[in-house]
Amino acid sequence: MKNKIKLILTTAILVMVASFANAGKFDQAATNILSTNNANPGPGIASTPNSSVTLDFSLQTGEFWDAIDDPDNVTAMCFTGGSITGIEWDVTLESVGASWLSEATMQFTDSSGSADPNAINLNVGVADSAPGTMTYNSSGIVDFTDNLLPDVVAAGDGILQIQFFESFDDNADAVDSMFTSGTVGIHGIDLVPVACPYAAAVLAPPVPVPANNWITLALLMLALMFFSRKLIKQ
């Protein structure tokens, strides 16, 4: 009987300790990896991306410091362009101290920053309400409009920017978590990289042969005929 009472008391103490450790953390209500500042964004414009920029965190760690718009936060303009239409990621996220992995947030906006109603927030570790180190992979491009989210459209200045922040700040004026390696790919319209610690490359789809380029088409046909004859002779 005494052993049972000890077991019950020990369990109760552990539950109380866990409750105190997590007190005040109410930012984990989100269930989606991607969200928007606009409460009812509706479907965006179905557009086809023609370029992408890769952010490489093996070149420079991506640090998440304080709550949104805190002056300590990293705000980067790694590319310009028309709009962001989708994101993909394969990154390792490491938290510091009591900070949870789910609190690290990348926000993609136009030049107005967090005031952009169509800002897109990326929480790769949204399901992990605990400290630690984890690797996250999107398994391909997550298109905004496919998920009833709007594209992030640049204003007339062509500026598209990223803010790294914490949805709950555990370490005031210090780093709460960081991307220690991996990449985030941003896909969109007319994206061009600019000087940035993370921007590693810009990719564009291959340029198709114009339909009215008769010389190119004729050369391709001749080459096809030549190789066809060689195969027949063999």
Protein backbone atom coordinates (compact mmCIF):
# COMPACT_ATOMS: atom_id res chain seq x y z
CA MET A 1 0.00 0.00 0.00
CA LYS A 2 2.81 2.38 0.92
CA ASN A 3 4.49 1.74 -2.44
CA LYS A 4 1.26 2.63 -4.26
CA ILE A 5 0.96 5.91 -2.31
CA LYS A 6 4.60 6.78 -3.09
CA LEU A 7 4.00 6.09 -6.78
CA ILE A 8 0.92 8.34 -6.85
CA LEU A 9 2.74 11.17 -5.05
CA THR A 10 5.77 10.90 -7.34
CA THR A 11 3.56 11.03 -10.45
CA ALA A 12 1.69 14.07 -9.14
CA ILE A 13 4.95 15.92 -8.43
CA LEU A 14 6.27 15.18 -11.93
CA VAL A 15 3.04 16.47 -13.51
CA MET A 16 3.26 19.68 -11.42
CA VAL A 17 6.91 20.22 -12.42
CA ALA A 18 6.06 19.77 -16.10
CA SER A 19 3.15 22.20 -15.79
CA PHE A 20 5.32 24.90 -14.21
CA ALA A 21 8.05 24.38 -16.82
CA ASN A 22 5.59 25.05 -19.67
CA ALA A 23 3.59 27.81 -17.94
CA GLY A 24 2.87 30.77 -20.18
CA LYS A 25 3.47 29.00 -23.48
CA PHE A 26 0.21 29.49 -25.36
CA ASP A 27 1.57 29.99 -28.88
CA GLN A 28 1.23 26.39 -30.03
CA ALA A 29 -2.40 26.51 -31.15
CA ALA A 30 -1.41 26.51 -34.82
CA THR A 31 -1.64 23.15 -36.53
CA ASN A 32 -0.37 24.14 -39.97
CA ILE A 33 3.23 24.57 -40.99
CA LEU A 34 2.26 27.55 -43.16
CA SER A 35 -0.05 30.36 -42.07
CA THR A 36 -0.84 33.93 -43.06
CA ASN A 37 -1.42 37.27 -41.34
CA ASN A 38 -4.75 37.47 -43.17
CA ALA A 39 -7.38 35.58 -41.17
CA ASN A 40 -9.44 34.80 -44.30
CA PRO A 41 -7.04 34.89 -47.24
CA GLY A 42 -9.01 32.67 -49.60
CA PRO A 43 -7.37 31.20 -52.70
CA GLY A 44 -4.61 33.23 -54.29
CA ILE A 45 -3.85 33.74 -57.96
CA ALA A 46 -2.86 30.44 -59.57
CA SER A 47 0.46 31.41 -61.11
CA THR A 48 3.34 29.39 -62.50
CA PRO A 49 6.76 30.19 -60.98
CA ASN A 50 9.57 30.97 -63.41
CA SER A 51 12.49 31.23 -60.96
CA SER A 52 13.68 30.24 -57.50
CA VAL A 53 16.30 31.28 -54.97
CA THR A 54 17.96 28.87 -52.54
CA LEU A 55 18.89 29.97 -49.02
CA ASP A 56 21.80 27.85 -47.78
CA PHE A 57 22.21 27.72 -43.99
CA SER A 58 25.43 25.75 -44.18
CA LEU A 59 27.01 29.06 -45.28
CA GLN A 60 25.51 31.05 -42.40
CA THR A 61 23.23 29.88 -39.58
CA GLY A 62 19.72 31.33 -39.62
CA GLU A 63 19.12 32.73 -36.13
CA PHE A 64 15.75 33.25 -34.45
CA TRP A 65 16.02 35.81 -31.64
CA ASP A 66 12.99 37.55 -30.16
CA ALA A 67 9.28 38.24 -30.72
CA ILE A 68 8.15 39.61 -34.06
CA ASP A 69 9.53 43.03 -35.05
CA ASP A 70 12.03 43.11 -32.18
CA PRO A 71 15.10 45.12 -33.27
CA ASP A 72 17.34 42.14 -32.44
CA ASN A 73 15.68 39.97 -35.08
CA VAL A 74 17.34 39.14 -38.39
CA THR A 75 15.48 40.77 -41.29
CA ALA A 76 16.99 39.80 -44.63
CA MET A 77 16.32 40.90 -48.20
CA CYS A 78 17.89 38.05 -50.16
CA PHE A 79 16.06 38.58 -53.44
CA THR A 80 13.80 40.92 -55.37
CA GLY A 81 11.03 40.05 -57.78
CA GLY A 82 7.35 39.98 -58.52
CA SER A 83 5.99 37.44 -56.05
CA ILE A 84 6.64 34.33 -53.97
CA THR A 85 4.38 31.42 -54.95
CA GLY A 86 5.76 28.52 -52.92
CA ILE A 87 8.46 27.24 -50.55
CA GLU A 88 10.39 24.01 -50.00
CA TRP A 89 12.76 23.13 -47.18
CA ASP A 90 15.26 20.59 -45.91
CA VAL A 91 16.75 22.10 -42.77
CA THR A 92 18.12 21.17 -39.34
CA LEU A 93 16.67 23.31 -36.54
CA GLU A 94 18.30 23.51 -33.11
CA SER A 95 16.69 25.23 -30.11
CA VAL A 96 18.49 26.96 -27.24
CA GLY A 97 17.61 26.44 -23.57
CA ALA A 98 13.88 26.10 -22.91
CA SER A 99 12.84 27.36 -26.34
CA TRP A 100 10.59 25.01 -28.33
CA LEU A 101 11.27 23.99 -31.92
CA SER A 102 7.71 25.00 -32.83
CA GLU A 103 8.40 28.66 -32.03
CA ALA A 104 10.98 29.38 -34.75
CA THR A 105 9.20 31.32 -37.51
CA MET A 106 10.30 32.60 -40.92
CA GLN A 107 7.99 35.32 -42.21
CA PHE A 108 7.91 36.20 -45.92
CA THR A 109 6.53 39.65 -46.77
CA ASP A 110 6.65 42.60 -49.13
CA SER A 111 8.55 45.74 -48.10
CA SER A 112 5.90 46.61 -45.47
CA GLY A 113 7.14 43.74 -43.30
CA SER A 114 4.79 42.26 -40.73
CA ALA A 115 2.11 44.78 -41.75
CA ASP A 116 1.68 42.85 -45.03
CA PRO A 117 -1.77 41.17 -44.68
CA ASN A 118 -0.64 38.37 -47.02
CA ALA A 119 2.57 37.64 -45.14
CA ILE A 120 3.35 33.92 -45.06
CA ASN A 121 4.69 32.39 -41.82
CA LEU A 122 6.72 29.18 -41.98
CA ASN A 123 7.07 27.05 -38.81
CA VAL A 124 8.93 23.92 -39.89
CA GLY A 125 8.82 22.47 -36.34
CA VAL A 126 5.20 23.38 -35.58
CA ALA A 127 4.41 19.88 -34.28
CA ASP A 128 7.35 19.77 -31.84
CA SER A 129 6.43 21.61 -28.63
CA ALA A 130 9.74 20.82 -26.97
CA PRO A 131 13.41 21.82 -27.09
CA GLY A 132 15.87 19.82 -29.17
CA THR A 133 17.41 19.38 -32.60
CA MET A 134 15.43 18.05 -35.55
CA THR A 135 15.68 17.89 -39.34
CA TYR A 136 12.59 18.83 -41.37
CA ASN A 137 11.88 18.16 -45.05
CA SER A 138 8.89 19.38 -47.05
CA SER A 139 9.25 16.53 -49.60
CA GLY A 140 8.89 18.98 -52.45
CA ILE A 141 7.49 22.44 -53.15
CA VAL A 142 4.52 23.59 -51.09
CA ASP A 143 2.50 25.82 -53.41
CA PHE A 144 0.58 28.58 -51.63
CA THR A 145 -2.53 28.60 -53.79
CA ASP A 146 -2.85 24.82 -53.51
CA ASN A 147 -3.20 25.38 -49.77
CA LEU A 148 -5.68 28.28 -50.00
CA LEU A 149 -2.96 30.81 -49.19
CA PRO A 150 -2.17 33.98 -51.15
CA ASP A 151 1.05 34.60 -53.03
CA VAL A 152 3.37 37.11 -51.39
CA VAL A 153 3.30 39.92 -53.94
CA ALA A 154 5.94 42.66 -53.96
CA ALA A 155 4.87 46.27 -54.04
CA GLY A 156 6.10 48.57 -56.80
CA ASP A 157 9.60 48.55 -55.28
CA GLY A 158 10.06 44.82 -56.00
CA ILE A 159 11.28 44.17 -52.46
CA LEU A 160 10.54 40.81 -50.82
CA GLN A 161 11.94 40.25 -47.36
CA ILE A 162 12.23 37.63 -44.61
CA GLN A 163 12.11 38.08 -40.84
CA PHE A 164 13.34 35.35 -38.48
CA PHE A 165 11.44 35.56 -35.17
CA GLU A 166 10.13 33.54 -32.22
CA SER A 167 6.40 33.13 -31.60
CA PHE A 168 7.29 32.88 -27.89
CA ASP A 169 10.49 34.52 -26.69
CA ASP A 170 12.24 32.42 -24.03
CA ASN A 171 15.64 34.15 -24.18
CA ALA A 172 15.24 37.92 -24.28
CA ASP A 173 17.85 39.67 -26.43
CA ALA A 174 19.47 36.33 -27.26
CA VAL A 175 19.19 33.53 -29.79
CA ASP A 176 16.30 31.11 -29.10
CA SER A 177 16.93 28.74 -32.01
CA MET A 178 18.74 28.47 -35.32
CA PHE A 179 18.93 26.67 -38.65
CA THR A 180 22.35 25.02 -38.39
CA SER A 181 22.36 23.48 -41.88
CA GLY A 182 20.20 22.74 -44.88
CA THR A 183 18.34 24.85 -47.41
CA VAL A 184 15.08 26.69 -47.97
CA GLY A 185 14.02 27.12 -51.59
CA ILE A 186 11.78 30.07 -52.48
CA HIS A 187 9.87 29.80 -55.76
CA GLY A 188 8.16 32.67 -57.51
CA ILE A 189 7.89 35.12 -60.35
CA ASP A 190 11.04 36.91 -61.62
CA LEU A 191 13.07 36.29 -58.46
CA VAL A 192 16.61 37.69 -58.55
CA PRO A 193 19.09 37.13 -55.66
CA VAL A 194 20.79 40.08 -54.01
CA ALA A 195 23.64 40.27 -51.50
CA CYS A 196 22.63 38.10 -48.55
CA PRO A 197 24.48 35.67 -46.23
CA TYR A 198 22.14 32.84 -47.27
CA ALA A 199 21.37 33.32 -50.98
CA ALA A 200 23.33 30.60 -52.74
CA ALA A 201 21.82 30.35 -56.19
CA VAL A 202 19.05 31.37 -58.53
CA LEU A 203 17.45 28.81 -60.80
CA ALA A 204 15.25 29.31 -63.83
CA PRO A 205 13.44 26.81 -66.07
CA PRO A 206 15.07 25.97 -69.43
CA VAL A 207 14.18 28.29 -72.29
CA PRO A 208 12.06 26.40 -74.85
CA VAL A 209 12.83 26.50 -78.58
CA PRO A 210 10.53 29.13 -80.14
CA ALA A 211 7.88 27.59 -82.40
CA ASN A 212 8.69 29.98 -85.23
CA ASN A 213 12.43 29.33 -85.21
CA TRP A 214 12.47 27.31 -88.47
CA ILE A 215 16.27 27.12 -88.72
CA THR A 216 16.60 25.53 -85.30
CA LEU A 217 13.75 23.13 -85.98
CA ALA A 218 15.22 22.16 -89.38
CA LEU A 219 18.60 21.42 -87.80
CA LEU A 220 16.93 19.29 -85.14
CA MET A 221 15.04 17.34 -87.83
CA LEU A 222 18.24 16.75 -89.84
CA ALA A 223 20.06 15.53 -86.74
CA LEU A 224 17.16 13.18 -85.96
CA MET A 225 17.19 11.79 -89.51
CA PHE A 226 20.99 11.29 -89.40
CA PHE A 227 20.90 9.32 -86.13
CA SER A 228 17.87 7.33 -87.30
CA ARG A 229 19.77 6.18 -90.44
CA LYS A 230 22.77 5.16 -88.32
CA LEU A 231 20.55 3.08 -86.06
CA ILE A 232 18.87 1.38 -89.05
CA LYS A 233 22.26 0.46 -90.60
CA GLN A 234 23.33 -1.13 -87.31
